[in-house]
C-alpha atoms as a PDB file:
ATOM      1  CA  UNK A   1       6.620  61.318  43.207  1.00  0.00           C
ATOM      2  CA  UNK A   2       3.015  61.744  42.493  1.00  0.00           C
ATOM      3  CA  UNK A   3       0.851  62.267  39.411  1.00  0.00           C
ATOM      4  CA  UNK A   4      -2.346  63.917  38.652  1.00  0.00           C
ATOM      5  CA  UNK A   5      -3.789  61.412  36.823  1.00  0.00           C
ATOM      6  CA  UNK A   6      -6.906  63.560  35.836  1.00  0.00           C
ATOM      7  CA  UNK A   7      -4.637  67.126  35.537  1.00  0.00           C
ATOM      8  CA  UNK A   8      -4.496  67.863  31.459  1.00  0.00           C
ATOM      9  CA  UNK A   9      -0.619  67.551  31.380  1.00  0.00           C
ATOM     10  CA  UNK A  10      -0.896  64.391  31.989  1.00  0.00           C
ATOM     11  CA  UNK A  11      -3.336  63.512  29.751  1.00  0.00           C
ATOM     12  CA  UNK A  12      -1.312  65.842  27.114  1.00  0.00           C
ATOM     13  CA  UNK A  13       1.455  63.549  27.873  1.00  0.00           C
ATOM     14  CA  UNK A  14       0.034  60.580  27.877  1.00  0.00           C
ATOM     15  CA  UNK A  15      -2.161  60.918  24.924  1.00  0.00           C
ATOM     16  CA  UNK A  16       1.111  61.923  22.976  1.00  0.00           C
ATOM     17  CA  UNK A  17       3.014  58.986  24.315  1.00  0.00           C
ATOM     18  CA  UNK A  18       0.651  56.455  22.892  1.00  0.00           C
ATOM     19  CA  UNK A  19       0.786  58.628  19.913  1.00  0.00           C
ATOM     20  CA  UNK A  20       3.707  58.079  19.568  1.00  0.00           C
ATOM     21  CA  UNK A  21       4.328  54.147  20.144  1.00  0.00           C
ATOM     22  CA  UNK A  22       1.649  53.261  17.969  1.00  0.00           C
ATOM     23  CA  UNK A  23       3.349  55.564  15.272  1.00  0.00           C
ATOM     24  CA  UNK A  24       7.004  53.908  16.445  1.00  0.00           C
ATOM     25  CA  UNK A  25       5.059  50.713  15.942  1.00  0.00           C
ATOM     26  CA  UNK A  26       3.825  51.601  13.017  1.00  0.00           C
ATOM     27  CA  UNK A  27       7.648  51.486  11.887  1.00  0.00           C
ATOM     28  CA  UNK A  28       9.006  48.861  13.128  1.00  0.00           C
ATOM     29  CA  UNK A  29       5.959  46.139  11.134  1.00  0.00           C
ATOM     30  CA  UNK A  30       5.047  48.555   7.774  1.00  0.00           C
ATOM     31  CA  UNK A  31       9.120  49.295   6.945  1.00  0.00           C
ATOM     32  CA  UNK A  32      12.381  47.036   5.699  1.00  0.00           C
ATOM     33  CA  UNK A  33      14.012  48.795   8.755  1.00  0.00           C
ATOM     34  CA  UNK A  34      17.620  48.798   9.454  1.00  0.00           C
ATOM     35  CA  UNK A  35      19.628  47.076  13.085  1.00  0.00           C
ATOM     36  CA  UNK A  36      20.342  50.406  13.692  1.00  0.00           C
ATOM     37  CA  UNK A  37      16.685  51.659  13.110  1.00  0.00           C
ATOM     38  CA  UNK A  38      15.147  49.197  14.355  1.00  0.00           C
ATOM     39  CA  UNK A  39      17.233  49.727  18.186  1.00  0.00           C
ATOM     40  CA  UNK A  40      16.133  52.821  18.006  1.00  0.00           C
ATOM     41  CA  UNK A  41      12.150  52.500  17.411  1.00  0.00           C
ATOM     42  CA  UNK A  42      12.180  49.437  20.642  1.00  0.00           C
ATOM     43  CA  UNK A  43      14.012  52.074  22.886  1.00  0.00           C
ATOM     44  CA  UNK A  44      12.023  54.652  21.512  1.00  0.00           C
ATOM     45  CA  UNK A  45       8.872  53.063  22.795  1.00  0.00           C
ATOM     46  CA  UNK A  46      10.724  50.645  25.917  1.00  0.00           C
ATOM     47  CA  UNK A  47      11.514  54.953  26.618  1.00  0.00           C
ATOM     48  CA  UNK A  48       7.238  56.244  25.869  1.00  0.00           C
ATOM     49  CA  UNK A  49       6.280  52.916  27.690  1.00  0.00           C
ATOM     50  CA  UNK A  50       8.383  53.507  31.252  1.00  0.00           C
ATOM     51  CA  UNK A  51       7.234  57.630  31.091  1.00  0.00           C
ATOM     52  CA  UNK A  52       3.383  55.870  30.192  1.00  0.00           C
ATOM     53  CA  UNK A  53       3.999  53.575  33.511  1.00  0.00           C
ATOM     54  CA  UNK A  54       4.417  56.707  35.833  1.00  0.00           C
ATOM     55  CA  UNK A  55       0.876  56.578  35.483  1.00  0.00           C
ATOM     56  CA  UNK A  56       0.496  53.331  37.201  1.00  0.00           C
ATOM     57  CA  UNK A  57      -0.473  52.498  40.697  1.00  0.00           C
ATOM     58  CA  UNK A  58       1.403  48.859  39.300  1.00  0.00           C
ATOM     59  CA  UNK A  59       4.799  47.825  41.321  1.00  0.00           C
ATOM     60  CA  UNK A  60       6.972  48.095  39.014  1.00  0.00           C
ATOM     61  CA  UNK A  61       8.793  44.406  38.633  1.00  0.00           C
ATOM     62  CA  UNK A  62      12.267  44.499  40.616  1.00  0.00           C
ATOM     63  CA  UNK A  63      15.016  43.587  38.441  1.00  0.00           C
ATOM     64  CA  UNK A  64      18.147  40.939  39.003  1.00  0.00           C
ATOM     65  CA  UNK A  65      21.352  42.005  37.556  1.00  0.00           C
ATOM     66  CA  UNK A  66      23.416  40.644  39.754  1.00  0.00           C
ATOM     67  CA  UNK A  67      22.219  36.301  38.823  1.00  0.00           C
ATOM     68  CA  UNK A  68      24.844  33.896  38.871  1.00  0.00           C
ATOM     69  CA  UNK A  69      25.016  31.806  35.785  1.00  0.00           C
END
């Protein structure tokens, strides 16, 4: 998949996602959220950061799922 990082569309998506991450971080830091609300905000931040990572040329780390303990 290729994203034109200079397109107006990507710039709008990036700006929106960055503002949404900041808003979620503010809610996490400023509000007295219960555990479920905290999990929701953290999940939102993770999803938004995954979208932002689409515009990065850095390789994504491989996630190892079957590690013996």
